[in-house]
Amino acid sequence: MAVNLEKELTHKPLKEEIYDALHRQIIAGKYTPGDWLRQDDIATQMGVSMTPVREALDLLVSTGLAERVPYRGVRVREMSAKDIADAYGLRLILEALTAREAAMHITPEQISNLEKIMAEMKKHVKLNEMPQERQLSREFHSVIAEASGNSLLIKLYAVVANAFPDWLLYEAVFRNPELLASSVAQTYEEHTAIIDAIIKGDAEKAAQNSIEHVLDSGKWLEEYLNIPAELLREKEELAIFMNRKSK
């Protein structure tokens, strides 16, 4: 798949610039599961040497967004139903945990960042704007994770978030455009509820709102990605049990 990456570069170390650009393109659906990330093509498109591209691909693999196939190269990770259910279960647990911690440790600057992201998301409500909305949603949850102040939890959350196939869920909207308005409105309402609880310092409510938000993704996994219901229910029961025990 031909992807223009040169304009994606920012001002970080080169390998991180390339990693960020590829990460954005994958989350936006420009690369899909199974697509090969060819070093020479990426280097040519970005006007860089092969070394930082190879290092960027190593970062993608280490964060779980891509996989290295022996003697073939690196491709966007393909996931089995079990892989997706496992990522869903961990996402349920970690969203609750990061929200609970964020409610106790978030800074005024991080609150401001969340509010800016929400304001920006409100602008992207059209079908052709879903890649931007998807990236903003990812940034929203990442800021909450960062607000936990727990460096290990932040790293773990990033790996799990990368493993969760939210880009496939957004593709369901493209196949079923009649879902767009209700989906965008529901996401905005759920994000607002999470922020409100965090700002109030209500750790339990923030955790509960976060779980309910991810549970809605579970419905989409079942209906549009055909993930077996029994796999999802098992993960949900465990996550809800763990959230109760942590109170």
C-alpha atoms as a PDB file:
ATOM      1  CA  MET A   1       0.000   0.000   0.000  1.00  0.00           C
ATOM      2  CA  ALA A   2       1.425   3.362  -1.036  1.00  0.00           C
ATOM      3  CA  VAL A   3       1.506   5.802   1.860  1.00  0.00           C
ATOM      4  CA  ASN A   4       2.942   9.319   1.852  1.00  0.00           C
ATOM      5  CA  LEU A   5       4.999   9.487   5.022  1.00  0.00           C
ATOM      6  CA  GLU A   6       7.380  12.358   4.387  1.00  0.00           C
ATOM      7  CA  LYS A   7       4.946  15.028   5.630  1.00  0.00           C
ATOM      8  CA  GLU A   8       4.462  13.042   8.851  1.00  0.00           C
ATOM      9  CA  LEU A   9       7.955  13.799  10.171  1.00  0.00           C
ATOM     10  CA  THR A  10       8.278  16.011  13.265  1.00  0.00           C
ATOM     11  CA  HIS A  11      11.377  17.058  15.221  1.00  0.00           C
ATOM     12  CA  LYS A  12      12.365  14.062  17.359  1.00  0.00           C
ATOM     13  CA  PRO A  13      15.302  11.659  16.923  1.00  0.00           C
ATOM     14  CA  LEU A  14      14.881  10.239  13.439  1.00  0.00           C
ATOM     15  CA  LYS A  15      13.952   6.704  14.456  1.00  0.00           C
ATOM     16  CA  GLU A  16      11.241   8.107  16.749  1.00  0.00           C
ATOM     17  CA  GLU A  17       9.939  10.415  14.020  1.00  0.00           C
ATOM     18  CA  ILE A  18       9.604   7.460  11.672  1.00  0.00           C
ATOM     19  CA  TYR A  19       8.039   5.314  14.384  1.00  0.00           C
ATOM     20  CA  ASP A  20       5.484   8.039  15.195  1.00  0.00           C
ATOM     21  CA  ALA A  21       4.642   8.524  11.525  1.00  0.00           C
ATOM     22  CA  LEU A  22       4.129   4.802  10.946  1.00  0.00           C
ATOM     23  CA  HIS A  23       2.183   4.495  14.191  1.00  0.00           C
ATOM     24  CA  ARG A  24      -0.213   7.265  13.110  1.00  0.00           C
ATOM     25  CA  GLN A  25      -0.668   5.695   9.692  1.00  0.00           C
ATOM     26  CA  ILE A  26      -1.473   2.276  11.175  1.00  0.00           C
ATOM     27  CA  ILE A  27      -3.940   3.692  13.707  1.00  0.00           C
ATOM     28  CA  ALA A  28      -5.538   5.727  10.911  1.00  0.00           C
ATOM     29  CA  GLY A  29      -6.002   2.588   8.828  1.00  0.00           C
ATOM     30  CA  LYS A  30      -3.596   3.565   6.039  1.00  0.00           C
ATOM     31  CA  TYR A  31      -1.837   0.286   6.774  1.00  0.00           C
ATOM     32  CA  THR A  32      -4.028  -2.670   7.716  1.00  0.00           C
ATOM     33  CA  PRO A  33      -3.303  -5.994   9.482  1.00  0.00           C
ATOM     34  CA  GLY A  34      -1.022  -8.093   7.346  1.00  0.00           C
ATOM     35  CA  ASP A  35       0.378  -5.182   5.301  1.00  0.00           C
ATOM     36  CA  TRP A  36       4.156  -5.360   4.947  1.00  0.00           C
ATOM     37  CA  LEU A  37       6.255  -2.426   6.159  1.00  0.00           C
ATOM     38  CA  ARG A  38       9.066  -2.468   3.614  1.00  0.00           C
ATOM     39  CA  GLN A  39      12.247  -0.760   4.802  1.00  0.00           C
ATOM     40  CA  ASP A  40      13.325   0.346   1.349  1.00  0.00           C
ATOM     41  CA  ASP A  41       9.913   1.790   0.442  1.00  0.00           C
ATOM     42  CA  ILE A  42       9.637   3.698   3.719  1.00  0.00           C
ATOM     43  CA  ALA A  43      13.210   4.992   3.463  1.00  0.00           C
ATOM     44  CA  THR A  44      12.543   6.228  -0.079  1.00  0.00           C
ATOM     45  CA  GLN A  45       9.253   7.921   0.847  1.00  0.00           C
ATOM     46  CA  MET A  46      10.838   9.681   3.815  1.00  0.00           C
ATOM     47  CA  GLY A  47      14.135  10.468   2.183  1.00  0.00           C
ATOM     48  CA  VAL A  48      16.158   8.772   4.921  1.00  0.00           C
ATOM     49  CA  SER A  49      18.628   5.907   5.185  1.00  0.00           C
ATOM     50  CA  MET A  50      17.653   2.347   6.015  1.00  0.00           C
ATOM     51  CA  THR A  51      19.124   2.376   9.542  1.00  0.00           C
ATOM     52  CA  PRO A  52      16.577   4.655  11.285  1.00  0.00           C
ATOM     53  CA  VAL A  53      13.781   2.904   9.423  1.00  0.00           C
ATOM     54  CA  ARG A  54      14.978  -0.469  10.726  1.00  0.00           C
ATOM     55  CA  GLU A  55      15.181   0.979  14.246  1.00  0.00           C
ATOM     56  CA  ALA A  56      11.658   2.416  13.914  1.00  0.00           C
ATOM     57  CA  LEU A  57      10.329  -0.961  12.806  1.00  0.00           C
ATOM     58  CA  ASP A  58      12.004  -2.554  15.824  1.00  0.00           C
ATOM     59  CA  LEU A  59      10.092  -0.082  18.017  1.00  0.00           C
ATOM     60  CA  LEU A  60       6.810  -0.982  16.316  1.00  0.00           C
ATOM     61  CA  VAL A  61       7.490  -4.665  16.974  1.00  0.00           C
ATOM     62  CA  SER A  62       8.460  -4.050  20.602  1.00  0.00           C
ATOM     63  CA  THR A  63       5.219  -2.138  21.253  1.00  0.00           C
ATOM     64  CA  GLY A  64       3.089  -4.898  19.751  1.00  0.00           C
ATOM     65  CA  LEU A  65       1.737  -2.991  16.751  1.00  0.00           C
ATOM     66  CA  ALA A  66       3.781  -4.957  14.229  1.00  0.00           C
ATOM     67  CA  GLU A  67       5.326  -8.406  14.020  1.00  0.00           C
ATOM     68  CA  ARG A  68       8.566  -9.663  12.505  1.00  0.00           C
ATOM     69  CA  VAL A  69       8.241 -12.688  10.251  1.00  0.00           C
ATOM     70  CA  PRO A  70      11.521 -14.641   9.884  1.00  0.00           C
ATOM     71  CA  TYR A  71      13.094 -14.219   6.445  1.00  0.00           C
ATOM     72  CA  ARG A  72      10.166 -12.059   5.288  1.00  0.00           C
ATOM     73  CA  GLY A  73      10.281  -8.752   7.144  1.00  0.00           C
ATOM     74  CA  VAL A  74       7.923  -6.725   9.317  1.00  0.00           C
ATOM     75  CA  ARG A  75       4.181  -6.423   8.865  1.00  0.00           C
ATOM     76  CA  VAL A  76       1.269  -4.894  10.729  1.00  0.00           C
ATOM     77  CA  ARG A  77       0.261  -7.455  13.298  1.00  0.00           C
ATOM     78  CA  GLU A  78      -2.487  -9.913  12.408  1.00  0.00           C
ATOM     79  CA  MET A  79      -4.533 -11.105  15.353  1.00  0.00           C
ATOM     80  CA  SER A  80      -6.547 -14.224  16.036  1.00  0.00           C
ATOM     81  CA  ALA A  81      -9.887 -14.091  17.856  1.00  0.00           C
ATOM     82  CA  LYS A  82      -8.095 -15.153  21.034  1.00  0.00           C
ATOM     83  CA  ASP A  83      -5.457 -12.428  20.591  1.00  0.00           C
ATOM     84  CA  ILE A  84      -8.192  -9.807  20.251  1.00  0.00           C
ATOM     85  CA  ALA A  85     -10.119 -11.128  23.253  1.00  0.00           C
ATOM     86  CA  ASP A  86      -6.931 -11.137  25.349  1.00  0.00           C
ATOM     87  CA  ALA A  87      -6.166  -7.534  24.372  1.00  0.00           C
ATOM     88  CA  TYR A  88      -9.773  -6.580  25.140  1.00  0.00           C
ATOM     89  CA  GLY A  89      -9.567  -8.133  28.592  1.00  0.00           C
ATOM     90  CA  LEU A  90      -6.341  -6.351  29.439  1.00  0.00           C
ATOM     91  CA  ARG A  91      -7.720  -3.097  28.076  1.00  0.00           C
ATOM     92  CA  LEU A  92     -10.704  -3.392  30.426  1.00  0.00           C
ATOM     93  CA  ILE A  93      -8.397  -3.883  33.403  1.00  0.00           C
ATOM     94  CA  LEU A  94      -5.878  -1.200  32.485  1.00  0.00           C
ATOM     95  CA  GLU A  95      -8.408   1.482  31.487  1.00  0.00           C
ATOM     96  CA  ALA A  96      -9.965   1.170  34.941  1.00  0.00           C
ATOM     97  CA  LEU A  97      -6.576   1.207  36.638  1.00  0.00           C
ATOM     98  CA  THR A  98      -5.195   4.209  34.735  1.00  0.00           C
ATOM     99  CA  ALA A  99      -8.412   6.188  35.247  1.00  0.00           C
ATOM    100  CA  ARG A 100      -8.393   5.453  38.982  1.00  0.00           C
ATOM    101  CA  GLU A 101      -4.756   6.548  39.271  1.00  0.00           C
ATOM    102  CA  ALA A 102      -5.332   9.596  37.069  1.00  0.00           C
ATOM    103  CA  ALA A 103      -8.151  10.780  39.336  1.00  0.00           C
ATOM    104  CA  MET A 104      -5.640  10.900  42.184  1.00  0.00           C
ATOM    105  CA  HIS A 105      -2.626  12.322  40.351  1.00  0.00           C
ATOM    106  CA  ILE A 106      -3.691  14.296  37.272  1.00  0.00           C
ATOM    107  CA  THR A 107      -2.192  17.770  36.842  1.00  0.00           C
ATOM    108  CA  PRO A 108      -3.955  20.950  35.643  1.00  0.00           C
ATOM    109  CA  GLU A 109      -1.895  20.780  32.442  1.00  0.00           C
ATOM    110  CA  GLN A 110      -3.062  17.234  31.740  1.00  0.00           C
ATOM    111  CA  ILE A 111      -6.673  18.223  32.376  1.00  0.00           C
ATOM    112  CA  SER A 112      -6.206  21.054  29.887  1.00  0.00           C
ATOM    113  CA  ASN A 113      -4.770  18.598  27.341  1.00  0.00           C
ATOM    114  CA  LEU A 114      -7.789  16.316  27.728  1.00  0.00           C
ATOM    115  CA  GLU A 115     -10.176  19.223  27.270  1.00  0.00           C
ATOM    116  CA  LYS A 116      -8.323  20.359  24.131  1.00  0.00           C
ATOM    117  CA  ILE A 117      -8.475  16.829  22.693  1.00  0.00           C
ATOM    118  CA  MET A 118     -12.203  16.682  23.393  1.00  0.00           C
ATOM    119  CA  ALA A 119     -12.762  20.038  21.721  1.00  0.00           C
ATOM    120  CA  GLU A 120     -10.836  18.840  18.686  1.00  0.00           C
ATOM    121  CA  MET A 121     -12.746  15.543  18.554  1.00  0.00           C
ATOM    122  CA  LYS A 122     -16.004  17.473  18.435  1.00  0.00           C
ATOM    123  CA  LYS A 123     -14.868  18.940  15.096  1.00  0.00           C
ATOM    124  CA  HIS A 124     -14.332  15.549  13.438  1.00  0.00           C
ATOM    125  CA  VAL A 125     -17.750  14.018  12.937  1.00  0.00           C
ATOM    126  CA  LYS A 126     -17.755  13.164   9.223  1.00  0.00           C
ATOM    127  CA  LEU A 127     -17.013   9.760   7.772  1.00  0.00           C
ATOM    128  CA  ASN A 128     -13.843  10.922   6.007  1.00  0.00           C
ATOM    129  CA  GLU A 129     -12.617  12.418   9.302  1.00  0.00           C
ATOM    130  CA  MET A 130     -12.644   9.132  11.201  1.00  0.00           C
ATOM    131  CA  PRO A 131      -8.853   8.640  10.953  1.00  0.00           C
ATOM    132  CA  GLN A 132      -8.356  11.954  12.800  1.00  0.00           C
ATOM    133  CA  GLU A 133     -11.028  11.035  15.338  1.00  0.00           C
ATOM    134  CA  ARG A 134      -9.361   7.673  15.881  1.00  0.00           C
ATOM    135  CA  GLN A 135      -5.981   9.269  16.535  1.00  0.00           C
ATOM    136  CA  LEU A 136      -7.496  11.823  18.907  1.00  0.00           C
ATOM    137  CA  SER A 137      -9.258   9.053  20.831  1.00  0.00           C
ATOM    138  CA  ARG A 138      -5.947   7.226  21.187  1.00  0.00           C
ATOM    139  CA  GLU A 139      -4.317  10.442  22.456  1.00  0.00           C
ATOM    140  CA  PHE A 140      -7.169  10.936  24.940  1.00  0.00           C
ATOM    141  CA  HIS A 141      -6.590   7.568  26.571  1.00  0.00           C
ATOM    142  CA  SER A 142      -2.809   7.992  26.456  1.00  0.00           C
ATOM    143  CA  VAL A 143      -3.018  11.273  28.391  1.00  0.00           C
ATOM    144  CA  ILE A 144      -5.072   9.516  31.071  1.00  0.00           C
ATOM    145  CA  ALA A 145      -2.461   6.770  31.279  1.00  0.00           C
ATOM    146  CA  GLU A 146       0.307   9.367  31.576  1.00  0.00           C
ATOM    147  CA  ALA A 147      -1.675  11.129  34.307  1.00  0.00           C
ATOM    148  CA  SER A 148      -1.356   8.002  36.449  1.00  0.00           C
ATOM    149  CA  GLY A 149       2.255   9.020  37.092  1.00  0.00           C
ATOM    150  CA  ASN A 150       3.249   5.341  37.042  1.00  0.00           C
ATOM    151  CA  SER A 151       5.965   4.826  34.411  1.00  0.00           C
ATOM    152  CA  LEU A 152       5.605   1.039  34.317  1.00  0.00           C
ATOM    153  CA  LEU A 153       1.821   1.258  33.991  1.00  0.00           C
ATOM    154  CA  ILE A 154       2.207   3.793  31.174  1.00  0.00           C
ATOM    155  CA  LYS A 155       4.485   1.439  29.228  1.00  0.00           C
ATOM    156  CA  LEU A 156       2.215  -1.541  29.808  1.00  0.00           C
ATOM    157  CA  TYR A 157      -0.816   0.462  28.734  1.00  0.00           C
ATOM    158  CA  ALA A 158       0.908   1.490  25.497  1.00  0.00           C
ATOM    159  CA  VAL A 159       1.634  -2.141  24.588  1.00  0.00           C
ATOM    160  CA  VAL A 160      -1.938  -3.228  25.303  1.00  0.00           C
ATOM    161  CA  ALA A 161      -3.427  -0.244  23.467  1.00  0.00           C
ATOM    162  CA  ASN A 162      -1.334  -1.075  20.417  1.00  0.00           C
ATOM    163  CA  ALA A 163      -2.524  -4.673  20.551  1.00  0.00           C
ATOM    164  CA  PHE A 164      -6.189  -3.661  20.666  1.00  0.00           C
ATOM    165  CA  PRO A 165      -7.606  -3.553  17.094  1.00  0.00           C
ATOM    166  CA  ASP A 166      -9.499  -0.270  17.363  1.00  0.00           C
ATOM    167  CA  TRP A 167      -8.686   0.517  13.733  1.00  0.00           C
ATOM    168  CA  LEU A 168     -10.755  -2.513  12.713  1.00  0.00           C
ATOM    169  CA  LEU A 169     -13.684  -1.248  14.761  1.00  0.00           C
ATOM    170  CA  TYR A 170     -13.540   2.069  12.947  1.00  0.00           C
ATOM    171  CA  GLU A 171     -13.619   0.244   9.629  1.00  0.00           C
ATOM    172  CA  ALA A 172     -17.018  -1.119  10.688  1.00  0.00           C
ATOM    173  CA  VAL A 173     -18.274   2.478  10.590  1.00  0.00           C
ATOM    174  CA  PHE A 174     -17.105   2.807   6.993  1.00  0.00           C
ATOM    175  CA  ARG A 175     -18.970  -0.388   6.098  1.00  0.00           C
ATOM    176  CA  ASN A 176     -22.046   0.783   8.027  1.00  0.00           C
ATOM    177  CA  PRO A 177     -22.143   4.604   7.721  1.00  0.00           C
ATOM    178  CA  GLU A 178     -25.562   4.740   9.371  1.00  0.00           C
ATOM    179  CA  LEU A 179     -23.720   4.013  12.643  1.00  0.00           C
ATOM    180  CA  LEU A 180     -21.559   7.132  12.425  1.00  0.00           C
ATOM    181  CA  ALA A 181     -23.671   9.749  14.218  1.00  0.00           C
ATOM    182  CA  SER A 182     -24.622   7.551  17.168  1.00  0.00           C
ATOM    183  CA  SER A 183     -21.094   6.167  17.498  1.00  0.00           C
ATOM    184  CA  VAL A 184     -19.457   9.605  17.564  1.00  0.00           C
ATOM    185  CA  ALA A 185     -22.030  10.958  20.018  1.00  0.00           C
ATOM    186  CA  GLN A 186     -21.692   7.978  22.340  1.00  0.00           C
ATOM    187  CA  THR A 187     -17.897   8.147  22.351  1.00  0.00           C
ATOM    188  CA  TYR A 188     -18.011  11.855  23.172  1.00  0.00           C
ATOM    189  CA  GLU A 189     -20.477  11.310  26.035  1.00  0.00           C
ATOM    190  CA  GLU A 190     -18.428   8.464  27.494  1.00  0.00           C
ATOM    191  CA  HIS A 191     -15.179  10.425  27.271  1.00  0.00           C
ATOM    192  CA  THR A 192     -16.887  13.379  28.946  1.00  0.00           C
ATOM    193  CA  ALA A 193     -18.076  11.156  31.798  1.00  0.00           C
ATOM    194  CA  ILE A 194     -14.542   9.827  32.303  1.00  0.00           C
ATOM    195  CA  ILE A 195     -13.038  13.327  32.372  1.00  0.00           C
ATOM    196  CA  ASP A 196     -15.673  14.641  34.762  1.00  0.00           C
ATOM    197  CA  ALA A 197     -14.988  11.848  37.260  1.00  0.00           C
ATOM    198  CA  ILE A 198     -11.221  12.341  36.995  1.00  0.00           C
ATOM    199  CA  ILE A 199     -11.469  16.109  37.501  1.00  0.00           C
ATOM    200  CA  LYS A 200     -13.647  15.566  40.583  1.00  0.00           C
ATOM    201  CA  GLY A 201     -11.075  13.141  41.957  1.00  0.00           C
ATOM    202  CA  ASP A 202     -13.685  10.370  42.035  1.00  0.00           C
ATOM    203  CA  ALA A 203     -11.392   7.403  41.401  1.00  0.00           C
ATOM    204  CA  GLU A 204     -14.083   4.723  41.586  1.00  0.00           C
ATOM    205  CA  LYS A 205     -16.450   6.532  39.243  1.00  0.00           C
ATOM    206  CA  ALA A 206     -13.610   7.192  36.798  1.00  0.00           C
ATOM    207  CA  ALA A 207     -12.728   3.490  36.796  1.00  0.00           C
ATOM    208  CA  GLN A 208     -16.356   2.427  36.357  1.00  0.00           C
ATOM    209  CA  ASN A 209     -16.953   4.887  33.511  1.00  0.00           C
ATOM    210  CA  SER A 210     -13.805   3.633  31.790  1.00  0.00           C
ATOM    211  CA  ILE A 211     -14.909   0.018  32.047  1.00  0.00           C
ATOM    212  CA  GLU A 212     -18.318   0.872  30.608  1.00  0.00           C
ATOM    213  CA  HIS A 213     -16.604   2.695  27.752  1.00  0.00           C
ATOM    214  CA  VAL A 214     -14.498  -0.331  26.827  1.00  0.00           C
ATOM    215  CA  LEU A 215     -17.475  -2.674  27.241  1.00  0.00           C
ATOM    216  CA  ASP A 216     -19.104  -0.867  24.328  1.00  0.00           C
ATOM    217  CA  SER A 217     -16.102  -1.849  22.229  1.00  0.00           C
ATOM    218  CA  GLY A 218     -16.798  -5.439  23.228  1.00  0.00           C
ATOM    219  CA  LYS A 219     -20.222  -5.214  21.619  1.00  0.00           C
ATOM    220  CA  TRP A 220     -18.600  -4.096  18.377  1.00  0.00           C
ATOM    221  CA  LEU A 221     -15.991  -6.854  18.571  1.00  0.00           C
ATOM    222  CA  GLU A 222     -18.763  -9.402  18.800  1.00  0.00           C
ATOM    223  CA  GLU A 223     -21.039  -7.940  16.165  1.00  0.00           C
ATOM    224  CA  TYR A 224     -18.625  -6.654  13.533  1.00  0.00           C
ATOM    225  CA  LEU A 225     -15.435  -8.685  14.024  1.00  0.00           C
ATOM    226  CA  ASN A 226     -17.247 -11.914  14.922  1.00  0.00           C
ATOM    227  CA  ILE A 227     -15.252 -12.487  18.106  1.00  0.00           C
ATOM    228  CA  PRO A 228     -16.942 -15.362  20.001  1.00  0.00           C
ATOM    229  CA  ALA A 229     -19.190 -14.061  22.766  1.00  0.00           C
ATOM    230  CA  GLU A 230     -17.911 -16.597  25.272  1.00  0.00           C
ATOM    231  CA  LEU A 231     -14.350 -15.295  24.918  1.00  0.00           C
ATOM    232  CA  LEU A 232     -15.470 -11.730  25.539  1.00  0.00           C
ATOM    233  CA  ARG A 233     -17.737 -12.553  28.481  1.00  0.00           C
ATOM    234  CA  GLU A 234     -14.897 -14.419  30.190  1.00  0.00           C
ATOM    235  CA  LYS A 235     -12.637 -11.377  29.957  1.00  0.00           C
ATOM    236  CA  GLU A 236     -15.398  -9.019  31.081  1.00  0.00           C
ATOM    237  CA  GLU A 237     -16.211 -11.056  34.173  1.00  0.00           C
ATOM    238  CA  LEU A 238     -12.552 -11.131  35.194  1.00  0.00           C
ATOM    239  CA  ALA A 239     -12.069  -7.403  34.663  1.00  0.00           C
ATOM    240  CA  ILE A 240     -15.224  -6.489  36.608  1.00  0.00           C
ATOM    241  CA  PHE A 241     -14.198  -8.827  39.446  1.00  0.00           C
ATOM    242  CA  MET A 242     -10.721  -7.283  39.616  1.00  0.00           C
ATOM    243  CA  ASN A 243     -12.127  -3.776  39.622  1.00  0.00           C
ATOM    244  CA  ARG A 244     -14.358  -4.654  42.590  1.00  0.00           C
ATOM    245  CA  LYS A 245     -11.445  -6.183  44.475  1.00  0.00           C
ATOM    246  CA  SER A 246      -9.321  -3.059  43.959  1.00  0.00           C
ATOM    247  CA  LYS A 247     -11.834  -0.762  45.641  1.00  0.00           C
END
